[in-house]
Amino acid sequence: MNLGCVEKTTHLHIDCPKKHEHTLALFPRQTSLTCNVCALDNSRGPIYMCPPCDFVLHKRCRNLPSVIKISRHGHRISFKHSFVFGDWSCGVCRKMVNSDYGGYSCNTEDCSYVAHSRSCATRKNVWDGKELEGVPEDTDAVEDERPPYVEIGDGIIRHFRHEDHLLKLEEDTDRVFDENKRCQACIMPIYDGKFYSCTQCGFILHKICANLSRTTHHALHPHPLNLVAQYNNYRFNLYDICTACNQPCTGFMYKCKDRRCHFRLHIQCATISEPFIHESHTDPLFLTSEPGERRLCQICKRKIKETFNCIECDFSLCFRCAILPHKVKYKHDEHLLSLSYGEEIDATATYWCEVCESKIHQEERFYKCDECCVTIHLGCLLGKHLYIKPGSFVCHKGDIIDVLLNNRMSRPSCVRCSSRCEDKLVFKYSRSLSFCSLRCFTPSVLNFR
């Protein structure tokens, strides 16, 4: 016997009334037996049995909670020893649930949500670790249910993130497109549709962004999230990076209410949910990645921790690729351009970028106009830092770095990589030092994928 096993205190018999009515005896040999509570057959740790009932229990499954609240479902779920025979699909991993073994099911009547116990429902990125048995359900409610704005008059509102001035509802009709006129929440340009604009300054919000709730829950995180504004007189913190897509943002973000937790999502990542329907794949996608697991995104070909995954095949999509706008505008084209993945492009033809005038590789993503045959590289149209607003500035270790639009007629040289700054933005330090990207400015701080 291993010396470490000799020194461990192992009880020969245990009572676990919440999991089984009889006293359980230690199974003396290491083997793979399917646990009736977690439905897993791994042999790590002691195993207890009730021979008359053919009941098996892993020691570490004895303390599984009875009632919990998880990030993947709006209601509480409770542990069940078994389910009514049928085709049950786990709401976390989307795999089948064996009705003969234990798991969690929704407490709400007429809701058929179920989840595997230890492998899914009690994962650290799904469950907050709190046992809710005996805790009133009204504590689960979102704390801040106040509306995001107060309606002052017909089309006039006062938003809680811009309380000093009033916002007026406008509609983008017959207006010359200005790519620098951006929504303060999502930092995307105003392409079309209705939006609110400040009556006294340049503050703008898409109508849909103005209606974002003050507090929300997200499938990636078990704690509630608060809507906050990243900017303070157009200043943003370099360390406030979106947890899902690993990109900086100067707009609104949802941050965890727990001050010890650094989880945060910018608007685009916070507002997409599962099942996720994306133009790059025919089947719906789900957040089924396990904690620490890295999957290869089929679009950008990088291994990412959190991805949307297809349960029918091996297709995975990272958040950075998932949130790219499918329809955009280009200042020299009156039509909307759509994001292309090369599937419907003529392989015999050669395409050139309208901006940089270099060749477009059709196997990569690019934007195209179906009416005018205009094609543009992804980076040339959107830039490297899509969610940083021109005119903002970075404060890092006491230094101020201005974020400016890059004058393509006289492009500065980057002081770190010595190349010409070709991106849409340039980061200016003092009057003479320029950086072509945040990667060049702070390579030790930002680890961009």
Protein backbone atom coordinates (compact mmCIF):
# COMPACT_ATOMS: atom_id res chain seq x y z
CA MET A 1 0.00 0.00 0.00
CA ASN A 2 1.20 3.50 -0.81
CA LEU A 3 2.58 5.33 2.27
CA GLY A 4 0.38 8.33 1.61
CA CYS A 5 -2.73 6.13 1.63
CA VAL A 6 -1.68 4.60 4.97
CA GLU A 7 -1.45 8.04 6.59
CA LYS A 8 -4.87 9.15 5.33
CA THR A 9 -7.87 8.71 7.60
CA THR A 10 -10.52 6.75 5.72
CA HIS A 11 -13.79 5.76 7.33
CA LEU A 12 -14.94 2.19 6.73
CA HIS A 13 -18.62 3.23 6.95
CA ILE A 14 -20.37 6.56 6.35
CA ASP A 15 -23.92 7.84 6.58
CA CYS A 16 -25.12 10.14 3.81
CA PRO A 17 -28.90 10.45 4.26
CA LYS A 18 -29.31 13.09 1.53
CA LYS A 19 -27.82 10.77 -1.05
CA HIS A 20 -28.86 7.29 0.23
CA GLU A 21 -31.00 5.94 3.06
CA HIS A 22 -28.63 3.12 4.14
CA THR A 23 -25.16 3.17 5.68
CA LEU A 24 -22.47 2.91 3.02
CA ALA A 25 -19.39 0.72 3.26
CA LEU A 26 -15.95 1.49 1.85
CA PHE A 27 -15.18 -0.52 -1.28
CA PRO A 28 -11.69 -1.90 -0.51
CA ARG A 29 -10.29 -2.02 -4.05
CA GLN A 30 -9.50 0.64 -6.62
CA THR A 31 -11.72 0.13 -9.63
CA SER A 32 -13.98 1.99 -12.02
CA LEU A 33 -17.56 1.91 -10.78
CA THR A 34 -20.21 4.34 -11.97
CA CYS A 35 -21.26 6.67 -9.16
CA ASN A 36 -25.03 6.93 -8.77
CA VAL A 37 -24.74 10.62 -7.88
CA CYS A 38 -22.40 12.02 -10.55
CA ALA A 39 -22.81 9.28 -13.21
CA LEU A 40 -19.01 9.16 -13.69
CA ASP A 41 -16.95 5.98 -13.51
CA ASN A 42 -13.53 7.39 -12.64
CA SER A 43 -11.64 5.70 -9.82
CA ARG A 44 -9.96 8.72 -8.19
CA GLY A 45 -10.59 8.76 -4.44
CA PRO A 46 -12.42 6.31 -2.14
CA ILE A 47 -15.64 4.65 -3.26
CA TYR A 48 -18.50 3.65 -0.96
CA MET A 49 -21.21 1.10 -1.70
CA CYS A 50 -24.51 -0.20 -0.47
CA PRO A 51 -24.35 -3.85 -1.66
CA PRO A 52 -28.06 -4.68 -1.16
CA CYS A 53 -29.12 -1.66 -3.23
CA ASP A 54 -26.23 -1.76 -5.72
CA PHE A 55 -25.65 1.92 -4.87
CA VAL A 56 -22.21 3.46 -5.52
CA LEU A 57 -20.97 6.82 -4.21
CA HIS A 58 -17.67 8.63 -4.66
CA LYS A 59 -16.50 10.11 -1.38
CA ARG A 60 -16.19 13.56 -2.92
CA CYS A 61 -19.79 13.37 -4.19
CA ARG A 62 -21.28 13.00 -0.71
CA ASN A 63 -21.23 16.79 -0.15
CA LEU A 64 -22.75 17.86 -3.45
CA PRO A 65 -25.27 20.65 -2.69
CA SER A 66 -29.00 20.05 -2.69
CA VAL A 67 -30.20 23.37 -4.17
CA ILE A 68 -28.07 25.74 -6.26
CA LYS A 69 -28.29 28.62 -8.75
CA ILE A 70 -26.09 28.40 -11.84
CA SER A 71 -25.10 30.87 -14.55
CA ARG A 72 -26.64 28.81 -17.36
CA HIS A 73 -30.25 28.91 -16.13
CA GLY A 74 -32.60 31.53 -14.74
CA HIS A 75 -34.16 29.35 -12.02
CA ARG A 76 -32.80 27.35 -9.11
CA ILE A 77 -32.02 23.69 -9.70
CA SER A 78 -32.19 20.84 -7.16
CA PHE A 79 -30.41 17.51 -6.92
CA LYS A 80 -32.46 14.50 -8.00
CA HIS A 81 -31.45 10.86 -7.49
CA SER A 82 -32.91 9.91 -10.86
CA PHE A 83 -35.19 11.22 -13.59
CA VAL A 84 -38.29 10.00 -15.32
CA PHE A 85 -37.26 7.86 -18.26
CA GLY A 86 -36.81 9.97 -21.41
CA ASP A 87 -34.37 11.84 -23.63
CA TRP A 88 -32.77 14.35 -21.25
CA SER A 89 -30.10 16.75 -22.51
CA CYS A 90 -27.74 18.53 -20.10
CA GLY A 91 -28.14 22.32 -20.24
CA VAL A 92 -24.38 22.84 -19.72
CA CYS A 93 -22.52 20.28 -21.87
CA ARG A 94 -25.52 19.51 -24.14
CA LYS A 95 -24.83 15.76 -23.88
CA MET A 96 -27.41 13.16 -22.91
CA VAL A 97 -28.27 12.64 -19.23
CA ASN A 98 -28.77 9.06 -18.05
CA SER A 99 -32.10 9.06 -16.22
CA ASP A 100 -30.96 6.21 -13.93
CA TYR A 101 -28.33 8.37 -12.23
CA GLY A 102 -28.34 11.57 -10.20
CA GLY A 103 -28.31 15.11 -11.53
CA TYR A 104 -29.94 18.51 -11.17
CA SER A 105 -33.31 19.63 -12.48
CA CYS A 106 -35.17 22.93 -12.41
CA ASN A 107 -37.40 23.73 -9.44
CA THR A 108 -39.89 25.66 -11.57
CA GLU A 109 -42.99 23.84 -12.71
CA ASP A 110 -43.18 23.10 -16.45
CA CYS A 111 -39.43 23.76 -16.87
CA SER A 112 -37.52 20.71 -18.15
CA TYR A 113 -33.97 22.00 -17.58
CA VAL A 114 -31.54 19.34 -16.30
CA ALA A 115 -27.77 19.18 -15.82
CA HIS A 116 -25.11 16.67 -14.88
CA SER A 117 -24.11 17.04 -11.24
CA ARG A 118 -20.37 17.16 -10.61
CA SER A 119 -19.10 17.44 -14.20
CA CYS A 120 -21.38 20.35 -15.22
CA ALA A 121 -23.69 22.04 -12.72
CA THR A 122 -21.07 22.42 -9.97
CA ARG A 123 -18.20 23.60 -12.16
CA LYS A 124 -16.46 26.72 -10.88
CA ASN A 125 -17.42 28.81 -13.93
CA VAL A 126 -21.07 27.74 -13.63
CA TRP A 127 -21.83 27.62 -9.88
CA ASP A 128 -20.89 30.25 -7.28
CA GLY A 129 -20.32 27.63 -4.56
CA LYS A 130 -23.36 28.55 -2.46
CA GLU A 131 -25.78 25.98 -1.05
CA LEU A 132 -29.28 27.50 -1.23
CA GLU A 133 -31.30 24.90 0.64
CA GLY A 134 -33.49 26.80 3.09
CA VAL A 135 -32.56 30.20 1.60
CA PRO A 136 -35.58 32.24 0.36
CA GLU A 137 -35.76 32.51 -3.43
CA ASP A 138 -36.29 36.28 -3.43
CA THR A 139 -32.56 36.65 -2.77
CA ASP A 140 -31.91 35.44 -6.35
CA ALA A 141 -33.52 38.51 -7.92
CA VAL A 142 -31.39 40.99 -9.82
CA GLU A 143 -30.65 43.70 -7.29
CA ASP A 144 -30.95 46.80 -9.47
CA GLU A 145 -34.20 46.62 -11.42
CA ARG A 146 -34.43 50.34 -12.12
CA PRO A 147 -34.76 51.27 -15.82
CA PRO A 148 -31.59 52.55 -17.48
CA TYR A 149 -33.16 55.90 -18.32
CA VAL A 150 -36.02 58.18 -17.39
CA GLU A 151 -38.27 59.45 -20.18
CA ILE A 152 -38.57 63.23 -19.88
CA GLY A 153 -40.72 63.88 -22.93
CA ASP A 154 -41.48 62.59 -26.41
CA GLY A 155 -38.16 61.09 -27.54
CA ILE A 156 -36.24 62.86 -24.74
CA ILE A 157 -34.54 60.78 -22.03
CA ARG A 158 -32.04 61.12 -19.19
CA HIS A 159 -29.73 58.09 -19.14
CA PHE A 160 -28.18 56.96 -15.86
CA ARG A 161 -24.70 56.99 -17.45
CA HIS A 162 -25.10 60.54 -18.79
CA GLU A 163 -27.24 62.28 -16.22
CA ASP A 164 -25.89 65.82 -16.71
CA HIS A 165 -27.47 66.23 -20.17
CA LEU A 166 -30.61 65.08 -21.96
CA LEU A 167 -30.58 62.70 -24.93
CA LYS A 168 -32.83 63.11 -27.96
CA LEU A 169 -34.05 60.24 -30.15
CA GLU A 170 -32.98 60.56 -33.80
CA GLU A 171 -33.14 58.35 -36.86
CA ASP A 172 -30.29 57.89 -39.32
CA THR A 173 -31.98 58.87 -42.60
CA ASP A 174 -30.20 60.51 -45.54
CA ARG A 175 -27.23 61.40 -43.34
CA VAL A 176 -23.68 61.31 -44.64
CA PHE A 177 -21.97 58.40 -42.93
CA ASP A 178 -19.29 59.45 -40.44
CA GLU A 179 -17.23 56.51 -39.16
CA ASN A 180 -15.99 58.61 -36.24
CA LYS A 181 -19.51 59.21 -34.94
CA ARG A 182 -19.73 56.30 -32.51
CA CYS A 183 -22.03 54.94 -29.86
CA GLN A 184 -20.52 55.56 -26.43
CA ALA A 185 -21.67 52.16 -25.14
CA CYS A 186 -20.52 49.69 -27.84
CA ILE A 187 -18.03 52.05 -29.62
CA MET A 188 -19.43 51.01 -32.99
CA PRO A 189 -20.25 53.66 -35.65
CA ILE A 190 -23.85 54.66 -36.27
CA TYR A 191 -24.61 52.68 -39.42
CA ASP A 192 -28.39 53.02 -39.51
CA GLY A 193 -31.49 52.88 -37.32
CA LYS A 194 -32.50 54.98 -34.33
CA PHE A 195 -30.09 56.42 -31.78
CA TYR A 196 -30.00 58.93 -28.95
CA SER A 197 -27.74 61.97 -29.20
CA CYS A 198 -26.91 64.46 -26.47
CA THR A 199 -28.42 67.91 -26.89
CA GLN A 200 -25.26 69.57 -25.53
CA CYS A 201 -22.26 67.37 -26.34
CA GLY A 202 -21.12 64.52 -28.62
CA PHE A 203 -22.48 61.69 -26.47
CA ILE A 204 -24.39 59.12 -28.60
CA LEU A 205 -26.12 55.84 -27.81
CA HIS A 206 -27.74 53.32 -30.12
CA LYS A 207 -31.35 52.87 -29.07
CA ILE A 208 -30.68 49.22 -28.24
CA CYS A 209 -27.62 50.20 -26.18
CA ALA A 210 -29.62 52.82 -24.28
CA ASN A 211 -31.96 50.02 -23.15
CA LEU A 212 -29.23 47.81 -21.68
CA SER A 213 -30.18 46.74 -18.15
CA ARG A 214 -28.19 48.05 -15.19
CA THR A 215 -27.58 44.52 -13.88
CA THR A 216 -27.42 41.20 -15.70
CA HIS A 217 -26.26 37.59 -15.53
CA HIS A 218 -24.09 35.85 -18.10
CA ALA A 219 -23.47 32.20 -18.89
CA LEU A 220 -19.70 32.60 -18.46
CA HIS A 221 -19.86 33.79 -14.85
CA PRO A 222 -21.85 32.72 -11.76
CA HIS A 223 -22.06 36.19 -10.17
CA PRO A 224 -24.33 39.10 -11.21
CA LEU A 225 -22.77 41.87 -13.30
CA ASN A 226 -23.18 45.66 -13.09
CA LEU A 227 -23.20 47.98 -16.12
CA VAL A 228 -20.43 50.57 -15.76
CA ALA A 229 -18.92 53.19 -18.04
CA GLN A 230 -15.27 52.69 -18.89
CA TYR A 231 -14.67 56.30 -19.73
CA ASN A 232 -14.05 59.21 -17.37
CA ASN A 233 -13.66 62.31 -19.52
CA TYR A 234 -12.60 59.86 -22.27
CA ARG A 235 -9.95 58.25 -20.06
CA PHE A 236 -9.85 54.45 -19.85
CA ASN A 237 -7.90 51.95 -17.79
CA LEU A 238 -5.47 49.85 -19.77
CA TYR A 239 -5.99 46.86 -17.47
CA ASP A 240 -9.77 46.70 -18.03
CA ILE A 241 -9.76 43.99 -20.68
CA CYS A 242 -12.86 42.01 -21.64
CA THR A 243 -12.56 38.54 -20.11
CA ALA A 244 -14.27 36.81 -23.04
CA CYS A 245 -12.50 38.32 -26.08
CA ASN A 246 -9.37 39.73 -24.38
CA GLN A 247 -9.76 43.17 -26.00
CA PRO A 248 -9.72 46.64 -24.43
CA CYS A 249 -12.81 48.81 -24.67
CA THR A 250 -13.52 52.46 -23.90
CA GLY A 251 -17.29 52.01 -23.82
CA PHE A 252 -19.70 50.42 -21.36
CA MET A 253 -18.79 47.16 -19.66
CA TYR A 254 -20.47 44.70 -17.35
CA LYS A 255 -18.32 44.06 -14.26
CA CYS A 256 -18.72 41.51 -11.50
CA LYS A 257 -20.34 42.88 -8.35
CA ASP A 258 -17.76 41.11 -6.21
CA ARG A 259 -14.86 43.53 -5.83
CA ARG A 260 -12.44 40.63 -5.45
CA CYS A 261 -13.47 39.29 -8.85
CA HIS A 262 -11.99 40.81 -12.01
CA PHE A 263 -14.49 39.34 -14.46
CA ARG A 264 -15.73 41.88 -17.01
CA LEU A 265 -17.47 41.84 -20.39
CA HIS A 266 -17.87 44.64 -22.90
CA ILE A 267 -21.25 45.10 -24.53
CA GLN A 268 -20.77 42.89 -27.58
CA CYS A 269 -19.64 39.88 -25.55
CA ALA A 270 -22.23 40.43 -22.83
CA THR A 271 -25.19 40.50 -25.20
CA ILE A 272 -24.60 37.29 -27.15
CA SER A 273 -26.01 34.13 -25.63
CA GLU A 274 -26.62 30.47 -26.37
CA PRO A 275 -27.85 28.95 -28.55
CA PHE A 276 -25.78 31.23 -30.75
CA ILE A 277 -26.54 31.38 -34.46
CA HIS A 278 -23.59 32.59 -36.53
CA GLU A 279 -23.18 33.11 -40.26
CA SER A 280 -20.01 30.99 -40.35
CA HIS A 281 -21.77 27.76 -39.35
CA THR A 282 -25.08 26.09 -40.09
CA ASP A 283 -25.76 24.57 -36.64
CA PRO A 284 -26.37 26.46 -33.36
CA LEU A 285 -23.36 26.93 -31.06
CA PHE A 286 -23.13 26.51 -27.29
CA LEU A 287 -20.74 27.40 -24.46
CA THR A 288 -19.68 23.84 -23.62
CA SER A 289 -15.95 24.36 -22.93
CA GLU A 290 -14.74 23.00 -19.61
CA PRO A 291 -12.67 25.18 -17.21
CA GLY A 292 -9.12 25.54 -18.51
CA GLU A 293 -9.90 23.78 -21.79
CA ARG A 294 -8.56 25.38 -24.96
CA ARG A 295 -10.24 24.77 -28.30
CA LEU A 296 -9.15 25.76 -31.78
CA CYS A 297 -11.31 28.53 -33.23
CA GLN A 298 -12.12 27.47 -36.78
CA ILE A 299 -12.09 31.08 -38.00
CA CYS A 300 -8.92 32.66 -36.55
CA LYS A 301 -7.13 29.30 -36.01
CA ARG A 302 -6.08 30.11 -32.44
CA LYS A 303 -6.56 28.02 -29.32
CA ILE A 304 -8.90 29.88 -26.96
CA LYS A 305 -10.25 29.10 -23.50
CA GLU A 306 -13.89 30.13 -23.93
CA THR A 307 -15.50 29.25 -27.25
CA PHE A 308 -18.92 28.63 -28.74
CA ASN A 309 -18.99 24.98 -29.81
CA CYS A 310 -21.12 22.89 -32.12
CA ILE A 311 -22.51 19.71 -30.57
CA GLU A 312 -22.88 18.07 -34.00
CA CYS A 313 -19.26 18.49 -35.13
CA ASP A 314 -15.88 19.87 -34.01
CA PHE A 315 -16.58 23.48 -35.03
CA SER A 316 -15.60 26.10 -32.41
CA LEU A 317 -15.83 29.88 -32.52
CA CYS A 318 -14.08 32.30 -30.15
CA PHE A 319 -15.76 35.43 -28.79
CA ARG A 320 -13.47 37.76 -30.73
CA CYS A 321 -14.62 36.25 -34.03
CA ALA A 322 -18.21 35.85 -32.90
CA ILE A 323 -18.73 39.56 -32.15
CA LEU A 324 -17.34 40.96 -35.40
CA PRO A 325 -20.12 42.95 -37.09
CA HIS A 326 -21.67 41.12 -40.03
CA LYS A 327 -22.87 44.33 -41.71
CA VAL A 328 -20.81 47.53 -41.82
CA LYS A 329 -20.53 50.73 -43.82
CA TYR A 330 -17.64 52.15 -45.79
CA LYS A 331 -17.40 55.91 -46.28
CA HIS A 332 -16.94 55.61 -50.05
CA ASP A 333 -19.83 53.19 -50.61
CA GLU A 334 -23.51 53.93 -50.15
CA HIS A 335 -24.38 50.27 -49.52
CA LEU A 336 -23.81 48.04 -46.52
CA LEU A 337 -20.83 45.70 -46.75
CA SER A 338 -21.18 42.14 -45.47
CA LEU A 339 -18.56 39.93 -43.84
CA SER A 340 -17.43 37.17 -46.19
CA TYR A 341 -15.70 33.90 -45.31
CA GLY A 342 -14.82 33.11 -48.91
CA GLU A 343 -17.46 30.44 -49.51
CA GLU A 344 -19.32 32.23 -52.29
CA ILE A 345 -16.40 34.02 -53.93
CA ASP A 346 -15.21 33.10 -57.41
CA ALA A 347 -11.92 31.26 -56.90
CA THR A 348 -10.76 32.12 -60.42
CA ALA A 349 -10.98 35.88 -59.82
CA THR A 350 -8.49 38.13 -58.03
CA TYR A 351 -9.75 40.62 -55.45
CA TRP A 352 -8.01 43.76 -54.24
CA CYS A 353 -8.53 45.79 -51.10
CA GLU A 354 -10.13 49.18 -51.72
CA VAL A 355 -8.07 50.79 -48.92
CA CYS A 356 -4.53 49.38 -49.09
CA GLU A 357 -4.75 48.24 -52.73
CA SER A 358 -3.12 44.89 -51.94
CA LYS A 359 -4.41 41.44 -52.80
CA ILE A 360 -7.16 39.82 -50.73
CA HIS A 361 -6.71 36.17 -49.83
CA GLN A 362 -10.15 34.69 -50.33
CA GLU A 363 -9.72 31.97 -47.69
CA GLU A 364 -9.56 34.73 -45.04
CA ARG A 365 -12.37 36.98 -43.86
CA PHE A 366 -13.00 40.30 -45.61
CA TYR A 367 -15.85 42.72 -46.24
CA LYS A 368 -17.53 42.96 -49.62
CA CYS A 369 -20.31 44.93 -51.25
CA ASP A 370 -22.68 42.78 -53.28
CA GLU A 371 -23.83 45.79 -55.31
CA CYS A 372 -20.53 47.47 -56.21
CA CYS A 373 -18.07 44.56 -55.91
CA VAL A 374 -16.03 46.55 -53.37
CA THR A 375 -13.78 44.35 -51.23
CA ILE A 376 -11.81 45.47 -48.16
CA HIS A 377 -9.51 43.73 -45.71
CA LEU A 378 -10.95 43.24 -42.24
CA GLY A 379 -8.16 45.24 -40.59
CA CYS A 380 -8.24 48.02 -43.16
CA LEU A 381 -11.93 48.69 -42.53
CA LEU A 382 -12.19 48.09 -38.78
CA GLY A 383 -8.64 48.57 -37.53
CA LYS A 384 -6.73 46.64 -34.86
CA HIS A 385 -8.52 48.22 -31.90
CA LEU A 386 -12.17 48.16 -32.89
CA TYR A 387 -13.54 49.04 -29.44
CA ILE A 388 -11.29 52.00 -28.58
CA LYS A 389 -12.78 55.37 -29.42
CA PRO A 390 -10.62 58.05 -31.08
CA GLY A 391 -10.16 61.02 -28.78
CA SER A 392 -9.84 58.92 -25.63
CA PHE A 393 -6.58 58.50 -23.75
CA VAL A 394 -4.76 55.84 -21.78
CA CYS A 395 -3.36 56.46 -18.32
CA HIS A 396 -0.55 54.01 -17.58
CA LYS A 397 1.93 54.33 -14.68
CA GLY A 398 1.35 58.09 -14.52
CA ASP A 399 1.83 58.62 -18.26
CA ILE A 400 -0.87 59.91 -20.61
CA ILE A 401 -1.13 58.29 -24.03
CA ASP A 402 -3.54 59.99 -26.45
CA VAL A 403 -5.56 57.84 -28.87
CA LEU A 404 -5.70 59.74 -32.17
CA LEU A 405 -6.96 59.08 -35.67
CA ASN A 406 -4.07 58.20 -37.92
CA ASN A 407 -3.45 60.70 -40.68
CA ARG A 408 -2.67 58.37 -43.56
CA MET A 409 -1.13 61.22 -45.57
CA SER A 410 1.76 61.53 -43.10
CA ARG A 411 1.96 58.28 -41.15
CA PRO A 412 4.32 58.42 -38.14
CA SER A 413 6.88 55.74 -37.34
CA CYS A 414 6.38 53.53 -34.30
CA VAL A 415 9.18 54.08 -31.77
CA ARG A 416 9.14 50.40 -30.74
CA CYS A 417 8.84 48.37 -33.97
CA SER A 418 10.13 51.18 -36.28
CA SER A 419 7.42 50.49 -38.86
CA ARG A 420 5.02 53.04 -40.27
CA CYS A 421 1.77 53.32 -38.32
CA GLU A 422 -0.78 52.05 -40.85
CA ASP A 423 -3.69 51.34 -38.50
CA LYS A 424 -6.74 53.58 -38.13
CA LEU A 425 -5.52 54.66 -34.68
CA VAL A 426 -2.17 55.88 -33.43
CA PHE A 427 -1.10 56.10 -29.78
CA LYS A 428 0.75 59.33 -29.10
CA TYR A 429 3.08 59.78 -26.13
CA SER A 430 4.27 63.38 -25.68
CA ARG A 431 4.75 65.29 -28.95
CA SER A 432 7.30 63.06 -30.62
CA LEU A 433 6.72 59.43 -29.59
CA SER A 434 4.16 57.35 -31.47
CA PHE A 435 3.07 53.72 -31.12
CA CYS A 436 1.28 51.83 -33.85
CA SER A 437 -0.69 49.62 -31.43
CA LEU A 438 -1.21 48.81 -27.77
CA ARG A 439 0.96 45.74 -28.32
CA CYS A 440 3.90 48.01 -29.07
CA PHE A 441 3.02 50.39 -26.27
CA THR A 442 2.74 47.82 -23.47
CA PRO A 443 3.87 44.36 -24.63
CA SER A 444 4.33 43.23 -21.00
CA VAL A 445 0.82 44.33 -19.96
CA LEU A 446 -1.36 43.24 -22.85
CA ASN A 447 -1.04 39.66 -24.01
CA PHE A 448 -3.20 39.81 -27.12
CA ARG A 449 -3.98 36.54 -28.81
